[in-house]
Amino acid sequence: MTHGRIGDAAIGAVGDAAGAVMDPVQGAHRLKAAVSVPALVAAVAALAVGYLIGRRSRR
């Protein structure tokens, strides 16, 4: 993925999140439609790795 596409995706996600604040029902539908399975798996994996790194550095 090119840098421009990453930036566009990030700005789109921020816009959808801001829209979810104004209209929670419509925002939830848009966020659900925008999230793909690979993106969801990547986000969960990133959270798990971050948790493990944080836990390890705390010891």
PDB file of N, CA and C in Angstrom:
ATOM      1  N   MET A   1       0.855  -1.175   0.000  1.00  0.00           N
ATOM      2  CA  MET A   1       0.000   0.000   0.000  1.00  0.00           C
ATOM      3  C   MET A   1       0.898   1.235   0.000  1.00  0.00           C
ATOM      4  N   THR A   2       0.571   2.197  -0.823  1.00  0.00           N
ATOM      5  CA  THR A   2       1.374   3.405  -0.895  1.00  0.00           C
ATOM      6  C   THR A   2       1.050   4.321   0.267  1.00  0.00           C
ATOM      7  N   HIS A   3       1.939   5.282   0.484  1.00  0.00           N
ATOM      8  CA  HIS A   3       1.744   6.207   1.611  1.00  0.00           C
ATOM      9  C   HIS A   3       0.477   7.039   1.448  1.00  0.00           C
ATOM     10  N   GLY A   4       0.143   7.422   0.234  1.00  0.00           N
ATOM     11  CA  GLY A   4      -1.061   8.210   0.003  1.00  0.00           C
ATOM     12  C   GLY A   4      -2.325   7.449   0.352  1.00  0.00           C
ATOM     13  N   ARG A   5      -2.353   6.182   0.016  1.00  0.00           N
ATOM     14  CA  ARG A   5      -3.534   5.367   0.316  1.00  0.00           C
ATOM     15  C   ARG A   5      -3.660   5.133   1.814  1.00  0.00           C
ATOM     16  N   ILE A   6      -2.547   4.990   2.519  1.00  0.00           N
ATOM     17  CA  ILE A   6      -2.599   4.815   3.966  1.00  0.00           C
ATOM     18  C   ILE A   6      -3.170   6.071   4.618  1.00  0.00           C
ATOM     19  N   GLY A   7      -2.716   7.218   4.164  1.00  0.00           N
ATOM     20  CA  GLY A   7      -3.224   8.483   4.696  1.00  0.00           C
ATOM     21  C   GLY A   7      -4.708   8.656   4.415  1.00  0.00           C
ATOM     22  N   ASP A   8      -5.135   8.294   3.201  1.00  0.00           N
ATOM     23  CA  ASP A   8      -6.550   8.393   2.861  1.00  0.00           C
ATOM     24  C   ASP A   8      -7.389   7.470   3.741  1.00  0.00           C
ATOM     25  N   ALA A   9      -6.899   6.278   3.968  1.00  0.00           N
ATOM     26  CA  ALA A   9      -7.635   5.326   4.805  1.00  0.00           C
ATOM     27  C   ALA A   9      -7.716   5.828   6.247  1.00  0.00           C
ATOM     28  N   ALA A  10      -6.620   6.406   6.745  1.00  0.00           N
ATOM     29  CA  ALA A  10      -6.619   6.912   8.120  1.00  0.00           C
ATOM     30  C   ALA A  10      -7.581   8.083   8.270  1.00  0.00           C
ATOM     31  N   ILE A  11      -7.583   8.986   7.305  1.00  0.00           N
ATOM     32  CA  ILE A  11      -8.481  10.139   7.373  1.00  0.00           C
ATOM     33  C   ILE A  11      -9.932   9.692   7.237  1.00  0.00           C
ATOM     34  N   GLY A  12     -10.177   8.706   6.404  1.00  0.00           N
ATOM     35  CA  GLY A  12     -11.536   8.174   6.280  1.00  0.00           C
ATOM     36  C   GLY A  12     -12.014   7.545   7.575  1.00  0.00           C
ATOM     37  N   ALA A  13     -11.128   6.818   8.245  1.00  0.00           N
ATOM     38  CA  ALA A  13     -11.490   6.179   9.513  1.00  0.00           C
ATOM     39  C   ALA A  13     -11.771   7.223  10.586  1.00  0.00           C
ATOM     40  N   VAL A  14     -10.965   8.287  10.620  1.00  0.00           N
ATOM     41  CA  VAL A  14     -11.190   9.364  11.594  1.00  0.00           C
ATOM     42  C   VAL A  14     -12.510  10.069  11.307  1.00  0.00           C
ATOM     43  N   GLY A  15     -12.802  10.284  10.039  1.00  0.00           N
ATOM     44  CA  GLY A  15     -14.076  10.914   9.669  1.00  0.00           C
ATOM     45  C   GLY A  15     -15.267  10.055  10.051  1.00  0.00           C
ATOM     46  N   ASP A  16     -15.154   8.748   9.830  1.00  0.00           N
ATOM     47  CA  ASP A  16     -16.234   7.842  10.224  1.00  0.00           C
ATOM     48  C   ASP A  16     -16.419   7.824  11.737  1.00  0.00           C
ATOM     49  N   ALA A  17     -15.317   7.865  12.470  1.00  0.00           N
ATOM     50  CA  ALA A  17     -15.406   7.883  13.934  1.00  0.00           C
ATOM     51  C   ALA A  17     -16.058   9.177  14.416  1.00  0.00           C
ATOM     52  N   ALA A  18     -15.709  10.298  13.790  1.00  0.00           N
ATOM     53  CA  ALA A  18     -16.326  11.572  14.165  1.00  0.00           C
ATOM     54  C   ALA A  18     -17.813  11.568  13.825  1.00  0.00           C
ATOM     55  N   GLY A  19     -18.170  10.970  12.707  1.00  0.00           N
ATOM     56  CA  GLY A  19     -19.578  10.856  12.343  1.00  0.00           C
ATOM     57  C   GLY A  19     -20.337   9.974  13.318  1.00  0.00           C
ATOM     58  N   ALA A  20     -19.659   8.969  13.864  1.00  0.00           N
ATOM     59  CA  ALA A  20     -20.296   8.078  14.833  1.00  0.00           C
ATOM     60  C   ALA A  20     -20.662   8.823  16.108  1.00  0.00           C
ATOM     61  N   VAL A  21     -19.925   9.882  16.421  1.00  0.00           N
ATOM     62  CA  VAL A  21     -20.244  10.680  17.608  1.00  0.00           C
ATOM     63  C   VAL A  21     -21.536  11.462  17.380  1.00  0.00           C
ATOM     64  N   MET A  22     -21.710  11.985  16.182  1.00  0.00           N
ATOM     65  CA  MET A  22     -22.885  12.790  15.880  1.00  0.00           C
ATOM     66  C   MET A  22     -24.142  11.933  15.683  1.00  0.00           C
ATOM     67  N   ASP A  23     -24.001  10.807  14.992  1.00  0.00           N
ATOM     68  CA  ASP A  23     -25.132   9.911  14.736  1.00  0.00           C
ATOM     69  C   ASP A  23     -24.664   8.484  14.991  1.00  0.00           C
ATOM     70  N   PRO A  24     -24.793   8.007  16.232  1.00  0.00           N
ATOM     71  CA  PRO A  24     -24.218   6.710  16.601  1.00  0.00           C
ATOM     72  C   PRO A  24     -24.728   5.536  15.768  1.00  0.00           C
ATOM     73  N   VAL A  25     -25.985   5.509  15.427  1.00  0.00           N
ATOM     74  CA  VAL A  25     -26.520   4.367  14.678  1.00  0.00           C
ATOM     75  C   VAL A  25     -25.943   4.337  13.272  1.00  0.00           C
ATOM     76  N   GLN A  26     -26.017   5.447  12.571  1.00  0.00           N
ATOM     77  CA  GLN A  26     -25.475   5.514  11.211  1.00  0.00           C
ATOM     78  C   GLN A  26     -23.961   5.341  11.227  1.00  0.00           C
ATOM     79  N   GLY A  27     -23.292   5.904  12.215  1.00  0.00           N
ATOM     80  CA  GLY A  27     -21.843   5.755  12.322  1.00  0.00           C
ATOM     81  C   GLY A  27     -21.430   4.318  12.546  1.00  0.00           C
ATOM     82  N   ALA A  28     -22.188   3.596  13.366  1.00  0.00           N
ATOM     83  CA  ALA A  28     -21.883   2.185  13.600  1.00  0.00           C
ATOM     84  C   ALA A  28     -22.055   1.375  12.325  1.00  0.00           C
ATOM     85  N   HIS A  29     -23.080   1.684  11.546  1.00  0.00           N
ATOM     86  CA  HIS A  29     -23.276   0.979  10.276  1.00  0.00           C
ATOM     87  C   HIS A  29     -22.131   1.260   9.306  1.00  0.00           C
ATOM     88  N   ARG A  30     -21.676   2.510   9.246  1.00  0.00           N
ATOM     89  CA  ARG A  30     -20.587   2.861   8.331  1.00  0.00           C
ATOM     90  C   ARG A  30     -19.277   2.215   8.756  1.00  0.00           C
ATOM     91  N   LEU A  31     -19.004   2.217  10.062  1.00  0.00           N
ATOM     92  CA  LEU A  31     -17.774   1.594  10.542  1.00  0.00           C
ATOM     93  C   LEU A  31     -17.790   0.084  10.314  1.00  0.00           C
ATOM     94  N   LYS A  32     -18.938  -0.528  10.530  1.00  0.00           N
ATOM     95  CA  LYS A  32     -19.061  -1.969  10.318  1.00  0.00           C
ATOM     96  C   LYS A  32     -18.855  -2.309   8.846  1.00  0.00           C
ATOM     97  N   ALA A  33     -19.390  -1.492   7.959  1.00  0.00           N
ATOM     98  CA  ALA A  33     -19.234  -1.733   6.528  1.00  0.00           C
ATOM     99  C   ALA A  33     -17.802  -1.479   6.059  1.00  0.00           C
ATOM    100  N   ALA A  34     -17.099  -0.554   6.711  1.00  0.00           N
ATOM    101  CA  ALA A  34     -15.750  -0.196   6.282  1.00  0.00           C
ATOM    102  C   ALA A  34     -14.702  -1.192   6.754  1.00  0.00           C
ATOM    103  N   VAL A  35     -14.980  -1.894   7.845  1.00  0.00           N
ATOM    104  CA  VAL A  35     -13.992  -2.801   8.405  1.00  0.00           C
ATOM    105  C   VAL A  35     -14.040  -4.124   7.658  1.00  0.00           C
ATOM    106  N   SER A  36     -12.896  -4.514   7.111  1.00  0.00           N
ATOM    107  CA  SER A  36     -12.805  -5.803   6.440  1.00  0.00           C
ATOM    108  C   SER A  36     -12.173  -6.814   7.388  1.00  0.00           C
ATOM    109  N   VAL A  37     -12.284  -8.069   7.051  1.00  0.00           N
ATOM    110  CA  VAL A  37     -11.749  -9.122   7.910  1.00  0.00           C
ATOM    111  C   VAL A  37     -10.232  -9.001   8.070  1.00  0.00           C
ATOM    112  N   PRO A  38      -9.457  -8.782   6.992  1.00  0.00           N
ATOM    113  CA  PRO A  38      -8.011  -8.639   7.188  1.00  0.00           C
ATOM    114  C   PRO A  38      -7.633  -7.449   8.074  1.00  0.00           C
ATOM    115  N   ALA A  39      -8.364  -6.355   7.952  1.00  0.00           N
ATOM    116  CA  ALA A  39      -8.075  -5.184   8.790  1.00  0.00           C
ATOM    117  C   ALA A  39      -8.398  -5.481  10.247  1.00  0.00           C
ATOM    118  N   LEU A  40      -9.473  -6.201  10.479  1.00  0.00           N
ATOM    119  CA  LEU A  40      -9.848  -6.559  11.837  1.00  0.00           C
ATOM    120  C   LEU A  40      -8.817  -7.504  12.456  1.00  0.00           C
ATOM    121  N   VAL A  41      -8.361  -8.474  11.683  1.00  0.00           N
ATOM    122  CA  VAL A  41      -7.340  -9.408  12.165  1.00  0.00           C
ATOM    123  C   VAL A  41      -6.043  -8.661  12.462  1.00  0.00           C
ATOM    124  N   ALA A  42      -5.668  -7.722  11.588  1.00  0.00           N
ATOM    125  CA  ALA A  42      -4.449  -6.946  11.805  1.00  0.00           C
ATOM    126  C   ALA A  42      -4.562  -6.090  13.063  1.00  0.00           C
ATOM    127  N   ALA A  43      -5.721  -5.500  13.301  1.00  0.00           N
ATOM    128  CA  ALA A  43      -5.905  -4.664  14.485  1.00  0.00           C
ATOM    129  C   ALA A  43      -5.835  -5.501  15.757  1.00  0.00           C
ATOM    130  N   VAL A  44      -6.455  -6.671  15.741  1.00  0.00           N
ATOM    131  CA  VAL A  44      -6.412  -7.544  16.912  1.00  0.00           C
ATOM    132  C   VAL A  44      -4.985  -8.032  17.164  1.00  0.00           C
ATOM    133  N   ALA A  45      -4.275  -8.380  16.095  1.00  0.00           N
ATOM    134  CA  ALA A  45      -2.887  -8.826  16.235  1.00  0.00           C
ATOM    135  C   ALA A  45      -2.012  -7.701  16.788  1.00  0.00           C
ATOM    136  N   ALA A  46      -2.224  -6.480  16.315  1.00  0.00           N
ATOM    137  CA  ALA A  46      -1.436  -5.345  16.796  1.00  0.00           C
ATOM    138  C   ALA A  46      -1.712  -5.084  18.281  1.00  0.00           C
ATOM    139  N   LEU A  47      -2.975  -5.200  18.685  1.00  0.00           N
ATOM    140  CA  LEU A  47      -3.299  -5.025  20.101  1.00  0.00           C
ATOM    141  C   LEU A  47      -2.654  -6.111  20.963  1.00  0.00           C
ATOM    142  N   ALA A  48      -2.666  -7.343  20.470  1.00  0.00           N
ATOM    143  CA  ALA A  48      -2.071  -8.443  21.229  1.00  0.00           C
ATOM    144  C   ALA A  48      -0.564  -8.259  21.361  1.00  0.00           C
ATOM    145  N   VAL A  49       0.097  -7.883  20.283  1.00  0.00           N
ATOM    146  CA  VAL A  49       1.549  -7.664  20.322  1.00  0.00           C
ATOM    147  C   VAL A  49       1.875  -6.497  21.251  1.00  0.00           C
ATOM    148  N   GLY A  50       1.110  -5.412  21.161  1.00  0.00           N
ATOM    149  CA  GLY A  50       1.323  -4.271  22.051  1.00  0.00           C
ATOM    150  C   GLY A  50       1.144  -4.639  23.509  1.00  0.00           C
ATOM    151  N   TYR A  51       0.154  -5.457  23.786  1.00  0.00           N
ATOM    152  CA  TYR A  51      -0.080  -5.916  25.161  1.00  0.00           C
ATOM    153  C   TYR A  51       1.102  -6.738  25.659  1.00  0.00           C
ATOM    154  N   LEU A  52       1.560  -7.667  24.826  1.00  0.00           N
ATOM    155  CA  LEU A  52       2.676  -8.516  25.235  1.00  0.00           C
ATOM    156  C   LEU A  52       3.966  -7.721  25.428  1.00  0.00           C
ATOM    157  N   ILE A  53       4.214  -6.754  24.568  1.00  0.00           N
ATOM    158  CA  ILE A  53       5.409  -5.908  24.718  1.00  0.00           C
ATOM    159  C   ILE A  53       5.299  -5.074  25.994  1.00  0.00           C
ATOM    160  N   GLY A  54       4.133  -4.523  26.256  1.00  0.00           N
ATOM    161  CA  GLY A  54       3.930  -3.734  27.468  1.00  0.00           C
ATOM    162  C   GLY A  54       4.070  -4.577  28.724  1.00  0.00           C
ATOM    163  N   ARG A  55       3.552  -5.777  28.662  1.00  0.00           N
ATOM    164  CA  ARG A  55       3.641  -6.670  29.816  1.00  0.00           C
ATOM    165  C   ARG A  55       5.090  -7.077  30.079  1.00  0.00           C
ATOM    166  N   ARG A  56       5.829  -7.332  28.996  1.00  0.00           N
ATOM    167  CA  ARG A  56       7.226  -7.736  29.138  1.00  0.00           C
ATOM    168  C   ARG A  56       8.073  -6.590  29.688  1.00  0.00           C
ATOM    169  N   SER A  57       7.821  -5.378  29.238  1.00  0.00           N
ATOM    170  CA  SER A  57       8.632  -4.241  29.684  1.00  0.00           C
ATOM    171  C   SER A  57       8.309  -3.851  31.117  1.00  0.00           C
ATOM    172  N   ARG A  58       7.173  -4.284  31.627  1.00  0.00           N
ATOM    173  CA  ARG A  58       6.801  -3.965  33.014  1.00  0.00           C
ATOM    174  C   ARG A  58       7.564  -4.803  34.020  1.00  0.00           C
ATOM    175  N   ARG A  59       8.062  -5.948  33.601  1.00  0.00           N
ATOM    176  CA  ARG A  59       8.778  -6.844  34.521  1.00  0.00           C
ATOM    177  C   ARG A  59      10.150  -6.375  34.840  1.00  0.00           C
TER     178      ARG A  59
END
